[in-house]
Amino acid sequence: LLCKDIIPMLEYVRGKFLNLKINTNASLLDEAKCHAL
């Protein structure tokens, strides 16, 4: 979530893979990132 392009990255992978996993320490979660996930 420290990657400045993480939201458009998550948008780009939408619907492309059977199992996409992300690991985060959750310290930077905000409303926009929650919706992206």
Full PDB file with SEQRES, HELIX, SHEET, SSBOND, CRYST1, ORIGX, SCALE, CONECT and MASTER records, all heavy atoms in Angstrom:
SEQRES   1 A   37  LEU LEU CYS LYS ASP ILE ILE PRO MET LEU GLU TYR VAL          
SEQRES   2 A   37  ARG GLY LYS PHE LEU ASN LEU LYS ILE ASN THR ASN ALA          
SEQRES   3 A   37  SER LEU LEU ASP GLU ALA LYS CYS HIS ALA LEU                  
HELIX    1 AA1 ILE A    6  TYR A   12  1                                   7    
HELIX    2 AA2 GLU A   31  ALA A   36  1                                   6    
CRYST1    1.000    1.000    1.000  90.00  90.00  90.00 P 1           1          
ORIGX1      1.000000  0.000000  0.000000        0.00000                         
ORIGX2      0.000000  1.000000  0.000000        0.00000                         
ORIGX3      0.000000  0.000000  1.000000        0.00000                         
SCALE1      1.000000  0.000000  0.000000        0.00000                         
SCALE2      0.000000  1.000000  0.000000        0.00000                         
SCALE3      0.000000  0.000000  1.000000        0.00000                         
ATOM      1  N   LEU A   1       0.818  -1.216   0.000  1.00  0.00           N  
ATOM      2  CA  LEU A   1       0.000   0.000   0.000  1.00  0.00           C  
ATOM      3  C   LEU A   1       0.852   1.266   0.000  1.00  0.00           C  
ATOM      4  O   LEU A   1       0.307   2.367  -0.138  1.00  0.00           O  
ATOM      5  CB  LEU A   1      -0.959  -0.001   1.193  1.00  0.00           C  
ATOM      6  CG  LEU A   1      -1.997  -1.125   1.235  1.00  0.00           C  
ATOM      7  CD1 LEU A   1      -3.037  -0.852   2.315  1.00  0.00           C  
ATOM      8  CD2 LEU A   1      -2.665  -1.350  -0.116  1.00  0.00           C  
ATOM      9  N   LEU A   2       2.167   1.117   0.118  1.00  0.00           N  
ATOM     10  CA  LEU A   2       3.058   2.269  -0.019  1.00  0.00           C  
ATOM     11  C   LEU A   2       3.314   2.635  -1.480  1.00  0.00           C  
ATOM     12  O   LEU A   2       3.874   3.696  -1.767  1.00  0.00           O  
ATOM     13  CB  LEU A   2       4.395   1.999   0.670  1.00  0.00           C  
ATOM     14  CG  LEU A   2       4.478   2.353   2.156  1.00  0.00           C  
ATOM     15  CD1 LEU A   2       5.785   1.839   2.748  1.00  0.00           C  
ATOM     16  CD2 LEU A   2       4.367   3.851   2.367  1.00  0.00           C  
ATOM     17  N   CYS A   3       2.914   1.767  -2.394  1.00  0.00           N  
ATOM     18  CA  CYS A   3       3.056   2.077  -3.813  1.00  0.00           C  
ATOM     19  C   CYS A   3       2.011   3.125  -4.194  1.00  0.00           C  
ATOM     20  O   CYS A   3       0.815   2.936  -3.959  1.00  0.00           O  
ATOM     21  CB  CYS A   3       2.869   0.818  -4.649  1.00  0.00           C  
ATOM     22  SG  CYS A   3       3.032   1.092  -6.412  1.00  0.00           S  
ATOM     23  N   LYS A   4       2.453   4.226  -4.782  1.00  0.00           N  
ATOM     24  CA  LYS A   4       1.527   5.327  -5.075  1.00  0.00           C  
ATOM     25  C   LYS A   4       0.476   4.943  -6.109  1.00  0.00           C  
ATOM     26  O   LYS A   4      -0.590   5.568  -6.186  1.00  0.00           O  
ATOM     27  CB  LYS A   4       2.294   6.563  -5.553  1.00  0.00           C  
ATOM     28  CG  LYS A   4       3.025   6.399  -6.876  1.00  0.00           C  
ATOM     29  CD  LYS A   4       3.771   7.665  -7.245  1.00  0.00           C  
ATOM     30  CE  LYS A   4       4.504   7.532  -8.579  1.00  0.00           C  
ATOM     31  NZ  LYS A   4       3.587   7.316  -9.699  1.00  0.00           N  
ATOM     32  N   ASP A   5       0.752   3.898  -6.910  1.00  0.00           N  
ATOM     33  CA  ASP A   5      -0.188   3.475  -7.945  1.00  0.00           C  
ATOM     34  C   ASP A   5      -0.978   2.234  -7.551  1.00  0.00           C  
ATOM     35  O   ASP A   5      -1.557   1.568  -8.418  1.00  0.00           O  
ATOM     36  CB  ASP A   5       0.573   3.186  -9.250  1.00  0.00           C  
ATOM     37  CG  ASP A   5       1.081   4.445  -9.924  1.00  0.00           C  
ATOM     38  OD1 ASP A   5       0.333   5.450  -9.937  1.00  0.00           O  
ATOM     39  OD2 ASP A   5       2.224   4.435 -10.422  1.00  0.00           O  
ATOM     40  N   ILE A   6      -1.048   1.927  -6.256  1.00  0.00           N  
ATOM     41  CA  ILE A   6      -1.691   0.681  -5.857  1.00  0.00           C  
ATOM     42  C   ILE A   6      -3.166   0.660  -6.241  1.00  0.00           C  
ATOM     43  O   ILE A   6      -3.701  -0.403  -6.631  1.00  0.00           O  
ATOM     44  CB  ILE A   6      -1.502   0.417  -4.340  1.00  0.00           C  
ATOM     45  CG1 ILE A   6      -1.922  -1.023  -3.988  1.00  0.00           C  
ATOM     46  CG2 ILE A   6      -2.238   1.448  -3.502  1.00  0.00           C  
ATOM     47  CD1 ILE A   6      -1.088  -2.098  -4.624  1.00  0.00           C  
ATOM     48  N   ILE A   7      -3.861   1.776  -6.188  1.00  0.00           N  
ATOM     49  CA  ILE A   7      -5.283   1.769  -6.544  1.00  0.00           C  
ATOM     50  C   ILE A   7      -5.485   1.498  -8.031  1.00  0.00           C  
ATOM     51  O   ILE A   7      -6.262   0.591  -8.390  1.00  0.00           O  
ATOM     52  CB  ILE A   7      -5.964   3.064  -6.082  1.00  0.00           C  
ATOM     53  CG1 ILE A   7      -6.057   3.083  -4.546  1.00  0.00           C  
ATOM     54  CG2 ILE A   7      -7.366   3.195  -6.693  1.00  0.00           C  
ATOM     55  CD1 ILE A   7      -6.674   4.335  -3.958  1.00  0.00           C  
ATOM     56  N   PRO A   8      -4.817   2.206  -8.941  1.00  0.00           N  
ATOM     57  CA  PRO A   8      -4.963   1.823 -10.357  1.00  0.00           C  
ATOM     58  C   PRO A   8      -4.434   0.420 -10.662  1.00  0.00           C  
ATOM     59  O   PRO A   8      -4.937  -0.245 -11.570  1.00  0.00           O  
ATOM     60  CB  PRO A   8      -4.180   2.897 -11.113  1.00  0.00           C  
ATOM     61  CG  PRO A   8      -3.325   3.577 -10.108  1.00  0.00           C  
ATOM     62  CD  PRO A   8      -4.049   3.461  -8.815  1.00  0.00           C  
ATOM     63  N   MET A   9      -3.455  -0.058  -9.908  1.00  0.00           N  
ATOM     64  CA  MET A   9      -2.999  -1.438 -10.078  1.00  0.00           C  
ATOM     65  C   MET A   9      -4.121  -2.413  -9.756  1.00  0.00           C  
ATOM     66  O   MET A   9      -4.376  -3.377 -10.496  1.00  0.00           O  
ATOM     67  CB  MET A   9      -1.792  -1.721  -9.182  1.00  0.00           C  
ATOM     68  CG  MET A   9      -0.499  -1.083  -9.638  1.00  0.00           C  
ATOM     69  SD  MET A   9       0.847  -1.362  -8.435  1.00  0.00           S  
ATOM     70  CE  MET A   9       2.246  -0.683  -9.343  1.00  0.00           C  
ATOM     71  N   LEU A  10      -4.806  -2.180  -8.643  1.00  0.00           N  
ATOM     72  CA  LEU A  10      -5.912  -3.052  -8.257  1.00  0.00           C  
ATOM     73  C   LEU A  10      -7.050  -2.967  -9.263  1.00  0.00           C  
ATOM     74  O   LEU A  10      -7.732  -3.966  -9.537  1.00  0.00           O  
ATOM     75  CB  LEU A  10      -6.395  -2.690  -6.850  1.00  0.00           C  
ATOM     76  CG  LEU A  10      -5.423  -3.034  -5.717  1.00  0.00           C  
ATOM     77  CD1 LEU A  10      -5.865  -2.407  -4.403  1.00  0.00           C  
ATOM     78  CD2 LEU A  10      -5.278  -4.542  -5.555  1.00  0.00           C  
ATOM     79  N   GLU A  11      -7.255  -1.801  -9.817  1.00  0.00           N  
ATOM     80  CA  GLU A  11      -8.277  -1.659 -10.850  1.00  0.00           C  
ATOM     81  C   GLU A  11      -7.902  -2.457 -12.099  1.00  0.00           C  
ATOM     82  O   GLU A  11      -8.762  -3.063 -12.744  1.00  0.00           O  
ATOM     83  CB  GLU A  11      -8.463  -0.184 -11.208  1.00  0.00           C  
ATOM     84  CG  GLU A  11      -9.098   0.644 -10.098  1.00  0.00           C  
ATOM     85  CD  GLU A  11      -9.092   2.136 -10.400  1.00  0.00           C  
ATOM     86  OE1 GLU A  11      -8.410   2.550 -11.371  1.00  0.00           O  
ATOM     87  OE2 GLU A  11      -9.748   2.889  -9.657  1.00  0.00           O  
ATOM     88  N   TYR A  12      -6.622  -2.495 -12.422  1.00  0.00           N  
ATOM     89  CA  TYR A  12      -6.170  -3.150 -13.642  1.00  0.00           C  
ATOM     90  C   TYR A  12      -6.291  -4.678 -13.572  1.00  0.00           C  
ATOM     91  O   TYR A  12      -6.479  -5.340 -14.604  1.00  0.00           O  
ATOM     92  CB  TYR A  12      -4.720  -2.760 -13.956  1.00  0.00           C  
ATOM     93  CG  TYR A  12      -4.298  -3.106 -15.359  1.00  0.00           C  
ATOM     94  CD1 TYR A  12      -4.787  -2.383 -16.444  1.00  0.00           C  
ATOM     95  CD2 TYR A  12      -3.424  -4.157 -15.608  1.00  0.00           C  
ATOM     96  CE1 TYR A  12      -4.420  -2.704 -17.744  1.00  0.00           C  
ATOM     97  CE2 TYR A  12      -3.045  -4.481 -16.899  1.00  0.00           C  
ATOM     98  CZ  TYR A  12      -3.544  -3.755 -17.962  1.00  0.00           C  
ATOM     99  OH  TYR A  12      -3.175  -4.074 -19.258  1.00  0.00           O  
ATOM    100  N   VAL A  13      -6.174  -5.245 -12.386  1.00  0.00           N  
ATOM    101  CA  VAL A  13      -6.237  -6.706 -12.261  1.00  0.00           C  
ATOM    102  C   VAL A  13      -7.661  -7.223 -12.124  1.00  0.00           C  
ATOM    103  O   VAL A  13      -7.885  -8.434 -12.122  1.00  0.00           O  
ATOM    104  CB  VAL A  13      -5.411  -7.215 -11.055  1.00  0.00           C  
ATOM    105  CG1 VAL A  13      -3.945  -6.891 -11.218  1.00  0.00           C  
ATOM    106  CG2 VAL A  13      -5.934  -6.640  -9.743  1.00  0.00           C  
ATOM    107  N   ARG A  14      -8.627  -6.347 -12.047  1.00  0.00           N  
ATOM    108  CA  ARG A  14     -10.009  -6.750 -11.793  1.00  0.00           C  
ATOM    109  C   ARG A  14     -10.490  -7.761 -12.838  1.00  0.00           C  
ATOM    110  O   ARG A  14     -10.428  -7.529 -14.033  1.00  0.00           O  
ATOM    111  CB  ARG A  14     -10.916  -5.522 -11.806  1.00  0.00           C  
ATOM    112  CG  ARG A  14     -12.323  -5.781 -11.295  1.00  0.00           C  
ATOM    113  CD  ARG A  14     -13.112  -4.488 -11.262  1.00  0.00           C  
ATOM    114  NE  ARG A  14     -12.455  -3.477 -10.424  1.00  0.00           N  
ATOM    115  CZ  ARG A  14     -12.752  -2.175 -10.474  1.00  0.00           C  
ATOM    116  NH1 ARG A  14     -13.649  -1.723 -11.346  1.00  0.00           N  
ATOM    117  NH2 ARG A  14     -12.119  -1.336  -9.673  1.00  0.00           N  
ATOM    118  N   GLY A  15     -10.938  -8.909 -12.339  1.00  0.00           N  
ATOM    119  CA  GLY A  15     -11.516  -9.918 -13.213  1.00  0.00           C  
ATOM    120  C   GLY A  15     -10.530 -10.735 -14.016  1.00  0.00           C  
ATOM    121  O   GLY A  15     -10.940 -11.545 -14.856  1.00  0.00           O  
ATOM    122  N   LYS A  16      -9.240 -10.596 -13.781  1.00  0.00           N  
ATOM    123  CA  LYS A  16      -8.248 -11.260 -14.636  1.00  0.00           C  
ATOM    124  C   LYS A  16      -7.733 -12.579 -14.072  1.00  0.00           C  
ATOM    125  O   LYS A  16      -7.208 -13.399 -14.833  1.00  0.00           O  
ATOM    126  CB  LYS A  16      -7.052 -10.322 -14.878  1.00  0.00           C  
ATOM    127  CG  LYS A  16      -7.351  -9.149 -15.814  1.00  0.00           C  
ATOM    128  CD  LYS A  16      -6.078  -8.363 -16.112  1.00  0.00           C  
ATOM    129  CE  LYS A  16      -6.280  -7.377 -17.261  1.00  0.00           C  
ATOM    130  NZ  LYS A  16      -7.093  -6.228 -16.877  1.00  0.00           N  
ATOM    131  N   PHE A  17      -7.843 -12.811 -12.756  1.00  0.00           N  
ATOM    132  CA  PHE A  17      -7.229 -13.991 -12.162  1.00  0.00           C  
ATOM    133  C   PHE A  17      -8.197 -14.707 -11.230  1.00  0.00           C  
ATOM    134  O   PHE A  17      -9.065 -14.076 -10.616  1.00  0.00           O  
ATOM    135  CB  PHE A  17      -5.960 -13.604 -11.392  1.00  0.00           C  
ATOM    136  CG  PHE A  17      -4.940 -12.892 -12.240  1.00  0.00           C  
ATOM    137  CD1 PHE A  17      -4.786 -11.514 -12.162  1.00  0.00           C  
ATOM    138  CD2 PHE A  17      -4.168 -13.593 -13.150  1.00  0.00           C  
ATOM    139  CE1 PHE A  17      -3.860 -10.845 -12.946  1.00  0.00           C  
ATOM    140  CE2 PHE A  17      -3.241 -12.938 -13.948  1.00  0.00           C  
ATOM    141  CZ  PHE A  17      -3.087 -11.565 -13.851  1.00  0.00           C  
ATOM    142  N   LEU A  18      -8.018 -16.020 -11.117  1.00  0.00           N  
ATOM    143  CA  LEU A  18      -8.872 -16.789 -10.223  1.00  0.00           C  
ATOM    144  C   LEU A  18      -8.575 -16.482  -8.759  1.00  0.00           C  
ATOM    145  O   LEU A  18      -9.475 -16.451  -7.929  1.00  0.00           O  
ATOM    146  CB  LEU A  18      -8.658 -18.289 -10.468  1.00  0.00           C  
ATOM    147  CG  LEU A  18      -9.301 -18.882 -11.715  1.00  0.00           C  
ATOM    148  CD1 LEU A  18      -8.910 -20.343 -11.850  1.00  0.00           C  
ATOM    149  CD2 LEU A  18     -10.814 -18.731 -11.666  1.00  0.00           C  
ATOM    150  N   ASN A  19      -7.302 -16.293  -8.444  1.00  0.00           N  
ATOM    151  CA  ASN A  19      -6.952 -16.065  -7.042  1.00  0.00           C  
ATOM    152  C   ASN A  19      -5.869 -15.006  -6.960  1.00  0.00           C  
ATOM    153  O   ASN A  19      -4.700 -15.268  -7.234  1.00  0.00           O  
ATOM    154  CB  ASN A  19      -6.472 -17.366  -6.383  1.00  0.00           C  
ATOM    155  CG  ASN A  19      -6.546 -17.284  -4.865  1.00  0.00           C  
ATOM    156  OD1 ASN A  19      -6.463 -16.204  -4.290  1.00  0.00           O  
ATOM    157  ND2 ASN A  19      -6.709 -18.426  -4.222  1.00  0.00           N  
ATOM    158  N   LEU A  20      -6.259 -13.808  -6.601  1.00  0.00           N  
ATOM    159  CA  LEU A  20      -5.324 -12.712  -6.384  1.00  0.00           C  
ATOM    160  C   LEU A  20      -5.299 -12.411  -4.893  1.00  0.00           C  
ATOM    161  O   LEU A  20      -6.343 -12.132  -4.291  1.00  0.00           O  
ATOM    162  CB  LEU A  20      -5.743 -11.472  -7.159  1.00  0.00           C  
ATOM    163  CG  LEU A  20      -4.838 -10.252  -6.952  1.00  0.00           C  
ATOM    164  CD1 LEU A  20      -3.548 -10.413  -7.741  1.00  0.00           C  
ATOM    165  CD2 LEU A  20      -5.539  -8.976  -7.370  1.00  0.00           C  
ATOM    166  N   LYS A  21      -4.117 -12.485  -4.311  1.00  0.00           N  
ATOM    167  CA  LYS A  21      -3.965 -12.246  -2.878  1.00  0.00           C  
ATOM    168  C   LYS A  21      -3.112 -11.014  -2.660  1.00  0.00           C  
ATOM    169  O   LYS A  21      -2.190 -10.733  -3.440  1.00  0.00           O  
ATOM    170  CB  LYS A  21      -3.301 -13.457  -2.205  1.00  0.00           C  
ATOM    171  CG  LYS A  21      -3.177 -13.337  -0.691  1.00  0.00           C  
ATOM    172  CD  LYS A  21      -2.588 -14.594  -0.080  1.00  0.00           C  
ATOM    173  CE  LYS A  21      -1.093 -14.663  -0.258  1.00  0.00           C  
ATOM    174  NZ  LYS A  21      -0.459 -15.730   0.556  1.00  0.00           N  
ATOM    175  N   ILE A  22      -3.411 -10.264  -1.609  1.00  0.00           N  
ATOM    176  CA  ILE A  22      -2.572  -9.138  -1.220  1.00  0.00           C  
ATOM    177  C   ILE A  22      -2.321  -9.219   0.277  1.00  0.00           C  
ATOM    178  O   ILE A  22      -3.218  -9.560   1.059  1.00  0.00           O  
ATOM    179  CB  ILE A  22      -3.215  -7.785  -1.605  1.00  0.00           C  
ATOM    180  CG1 ILE A  22      -2.249  -6.625  -1.317  1.00  0.00           C  
ATOM    181  CG2 ILE A  22      -4.553  -7.582  -0.927  1.00  0.00           C  
ATOM    182  CD1 ILE A  22      -2.680  -5.305  -1.921  1.00  0.00           C  
ATOM    183  N   ASN A  23      -1.078  -8.968   0.673  1.00  0.00           N  
ATOM    184  CA  ASN A  23      -0.693  -8.909   2.081  1.00  0.00           C  
ATOM    185  C   ASN A  23      -0.396  -7.469   2.450  1.00  0.00           C  
ATOM    186  O   ASN A  23       0.367  -6.795   1.750  1.00  0.00           O  
ATOM    187  CB  ASN A  23       0.555  -9.743   2.343  1.00  0.00           C  
ATOM    188  CG  ASN A  23       0.313 -11.224   2.231  1.00  0.00           C  
ATOM    189  OD1 ASN A  23      -0.074 -11.715   1.182  1.00  0.00           O  
ATOM    190  ND2 ASN A  23       0.555 -11.952   3.306  1.00  0.00           N  
ATOM    191  N   THR A  24      -0.969  -7.009   3.541  1.00  0.00           N  
ATOM    192  CA  THR A  24      -0.737  -5.640   3.986  1.00  0.00           C  
ATOM    193  C   THR A  24      -0.716  -5.575   5.505  1.00  0.00           C  
ATOM    194  O   THR A  24      -1.421  -6.332   6.182  1.00  0.00           O  
ATOM    195  CB  THR A  24      -1.821  -4.693   3.443  1.00  0.00           C  
ATOM    196  OG1 THR A  24      -1.640  -3.383   4.013  1.00  0.00           O  
ATOM    197  CG2 THR A  24      -3.224  -5.177   3.761  1.00  0.00           C  
ATOM    198  N   ASN A  25       0.083  -4.652   6.038  1.00  0.00           N  
ATOM    199  CA  ASN A  25       0.068  -4.451   7.492  1.00  0.00           C  
ATOM    200  C   ASN A  25      -1.117  -3.607   7.938  1.00  0.00           C  
ATOM    201  O   ASN A  25      -1.304  -3.394   9.137  1.00  0.00           O  
ATOM    202  CB  ASN A  25       1.389  -3.849   7.985  1.00  0.00           C  
ATOM    203  CG  ASN A  25       1.699  -2.487   7.384  1.00  0.00           C  
ATOM    204  OD1 ASN A  25       0.814  -1.670   7.104  1.00  0.00           O  
ATOM    205  ND2 ASN A  25       2.996  -2.208   7.191  1.00  0.00           N  
ATOM    206  N   ALA A  26      -1.908  -3.110   6.992  1.00  0.00           N  
ATOM    207  CA  ALA A  26      -3.175  -2.402   7.231  1.00  0.00           C  
ATOM    208  C   ALA A  26      -3.000  -1.025   7.850  1.00  0.00           C  
ATOM    209  O   ALA A  26      -3.985  -0.330   8.106  1.00  0.00           O  
ATOM    210  CB  ALA A  26      -4.129  -3.236   8.094  1.00  0.00           C  
ATOM    211  N   SER A  27      -1.772  -0.584   8.047  1.00  0.00           N  
ATOM    212  CA  SER A  27      -1.554   0.714   8.682  1.00  0.00           C  
ATOM    213  C   SER A  27      -1.969   1.875   7.779  1.00  0.00           C  
ATOM    214  O   SER A  27      -2.269   2.968   8.272  1.00  0.00           O  
ATOM    215  CB  SER A  27      -0.085   0.869   9.072  1.00  0.00           C  
ATOM    216  OG  SER A  27       0.742   0.908   7.922  1.00  0.00           O  
ATOM    217  N   LEU A  28      -1.976   1.636   6.463  1.00  0.00           N  
ATOM    218  CA  LEU A  28      -2.270   2.704   5.504  1.00  0.00           C  
ATOM    219  C   LEU A  28      -3.641   2.559   4.870  1.00  0.00           C  
ATOM    220  O   LEU A  28      -3.971   3.290   3.934  1.00  0.00           O  
ATOM    221  CB  LEU A  28      -1.189   2.713   4.411  1.00  0.00           C  
ATOM    222  CG  LEU A  28       0.243   2.906   4.915  1.00  0.00           C  
ATOM    223  CD1 LEU A  28       1.242   2.699   3.783  1.00  0.00           C  
ATOM    224  CD2 LEU A  28       0.418   4.283   5.530  1.00  0.00           C  
ATOM    225  N   LEU A  29      -4.433   1.638   5.366  1.00  0.00           N  
ATOM    226  CA  LEU A  29      -5.782   1.461   4.830  1.00  0.00           C  
ATOM    227  C   LEU A  29      -6.617   2.717   5.068  1.00  0.00           C  
ATOM    228  O   LEU A  29      -6.669   3.242   6.183  1.00  0.00           O  
ATOM    229  CB  LEU A  29      -6.474   0.279   5.512  1.00  0.00           C  
ATOM    230  CG  LEU A  29      -6.400  -1.101   4.863  1.00  0.00           C  
ATOM    231  CD1 LEU A  29      -7.221  -2.080   5.692  1.00  0.00           C  
ATOM    232  CD2 LEU A  29      -6.906  -1.074   3.431  1.00  0.00           C  
ATOM    233  N   ASP A  30      -7.263   3.184   4.014  1.00  0.00           N  
ATOM    234  CA  ASP A  30      -8.247   4.245   4.149  1.00  0.00           C  
ATOM    235  C   ASP A  30      -9.457   3.843   3.321  1.00  0.00           C  
ATOM    236  O   ASP A  30      -9.497   2.751   2.729  1.00  0.00           O  
ATOM    237  CB  ASP A  30      -7.686   5.600   3.717  1.00  0.00           C  
ATOM    238  CG  ASP A  30      -7.128   5.588   2.300  1.00  0.00           C  
ATOM    239  OD1 ASP A  30      -7.546   4.729   1.487  1.00  0.00           O  
ATOM    240  OD2 ASP A  30      -6.267   6.439   2.001  1.00  0.00           O  
ATOM    241  N   GLU A  31     -10.444   4.711   3.238  1.00  0.00           N  
ATOM    242  CA  GLU A  31     -11.685   4.346   2.551  1.00  0.00           C  
ATOM    243  C   GLU A  31     -11.444   4.027   1.077  1.00  0.00           C  
ATOM    244  O   GLU A  31     -11.981   3.055   0.539  1.00  0.00           O  
ATOM    245  CB  GLU A  31     -12.712   5.466   2.696  1.00  0.00           C  
ATOM    246  CG  GLU A  31     -14.098   5.067   2.225  1.00  0.00           C  
ATOM    247  CD  GLU A  31     -15.174   6.041   2.675  1.00  0.00           C  
ATOM    248  OE1 GLU A  31     -14.898   6.876   3.558  1.00  0.00           O  
ATOM    249  OE2 GLU A  31     -16.288   5.958   2.125  1.00  0.00           O  
ATOM    250  N   ALA A  32     -10.617   4.833   0.410  1.00  0.00           N  
ATOM    251  CA  ALA A  32     -10.360   4.611  -1.015  1.00  0.00           C  
ATOM    252  C   ALA A  32      -9.671   3.269  -1.247  1.00  0.00           C  
ATOM    253  O   ALA A  32     -10.017   2.528  -2.184  1.00  0.00           O  
ATOM    254  CB  ALA A  32      -9.510   5.747  -1.579  1.00  0.00           C  
ATOM    255  N   LYS A  33      -8.702   2.933  -0.410  1.00  0.00           N  
ATOM    256  CA  LYS A  33      -7.996   1.661  -0.577  1.00  0.00           C  
ATOM    257  C   LYS A  33      -8.901   0.488  -0.227  1.00  0.00           C  
ATOM    258  O   LYS A  33      -8.812  -0.583  -0.850  1.00  0.00           O  
ATOM    259  CB  LYS A  33      -6.729   1.651   0.278  1.00  0.00           C  
ATOM    260  CG  LYS A  33      -5.650   2.629  -0.199  1.00  0.00           C  
ATOM    261  CD  LYS A  33      -4.384   2.495   0.625  1.00  0.00           C  
ATOM    262  CE  LYS A  33      -3.281   3.434   0.128  1.00  0.00           C  
ATOM    263  NZ  LYS A  33      -3.574   4.837   0.460  1.00  0.00           N  
ATOM    264  N   CYS A  34      -9.781   0.653   0.747  1.00  0.00           N  
ATOM    265  CA  CYS A  34     -10.741  -0.408   1.066  1.00  0.00           C  
ATOM    266  C   CYS A  34     -11.614  -0.718  -0.144  1.00  0.00           C  
ATOM    267  O   CYS A  34     -11.818  -1.882  -0.504  1.00  0.00           O  
ATOM    268  CB  CYS A  34     -11.612  -0.002   2.250  1.00  0.00           C  
ATOM    269  SG  CYS A  34     -10.776  -0.011   3.857  1.00  0.00           S  
ATOM    270  N   HIS A  35     -12.124   0.326  -0.789  1.00  0.00           N  
ATOM    271  CA  HIS A  35     -12.961   0.114  -1.968  1.00  0.00           C  
ATOM    272  C   HIS A  35     -12.160  -0.525  -3.097  1.00  0.00           C  
ATOM    273  O   HIS A  35     -12.679  -1.383  -3.827  1.00  0.00           O  
ATOM    274  CB  HIS A  35     -13.569   1.437  -2.426  1.00  0.00           C  
ATOM    275  CG  HIS A  35     -14.741   1.882  -1.596  1.00  0.00           C  
ATOM    276  ND1 HIS A  35     -15.975   1.269  -1.666  1.00  0.00           N  
ATOM    277  CD2 HIS A  35     -14.855   2.873  -0.669  1.00  0.00           C  
ATOM    278  CE1 HIS A  35     -16.813   1.870  -0.824  1.00  0.00           C  
ATOM    279  NE2 HIS A  35     -16.157   2.847  -0.205  1.00  0.00           N  
ATOM    280  N   ALA A  36     -10.914  -0.131  -3.256  1.00  0.00           N  
ATOM    281  CA  ALA A  36     -10.076  -0.725  -4.308  1.00  0.00           C  
ATOM    282  C   ALA A  36      -9.863  -2.217  -4.057  1.00  0.00           C  
ATOM    283  O   ALA A  36      -9.891  -3.019  -4.997  1.00  0.00           O  
ATOM    284  CB  ALA A  36      -8.734  -0.001  -4.370  1.00  0.00           C  
ATOM    285  N   LEU A  37      -9.670  -2.591  -2.810  1.00  0.00           N  
ATOM    286  CA  LEU A  37      -9.483  -3.994  -2.472  1.00  0.00           C  
ATOM    287  C   LEU A  37     -10.776  -4.791  -2.634  1.00  0.00           C  
ATOM    288  O   LEU A  37     -10.740  -6.002  -2.922  1.00  0.00           O  
ATOM    289  CB  LEU A  37      -8.986  -4.128  -1.028  1.00  0.00           C  
ATOM    290  CG  LEU A  37      -7.557  -3.667  -0.748  1.00  0.00           C  
ATOM    291  CD1 LEU A  37      -7.306  -3.597   0.750  1.00  0.00           C  
ATOM    292  CD2 LEU A  37      -6.549  -4.608  -1.406  1.00  0.00           C  
TER     293      LEU A  37                                                      
MASTER        0    0    0    2    0    0    0    6  292    1    0    3          
END                                                                             
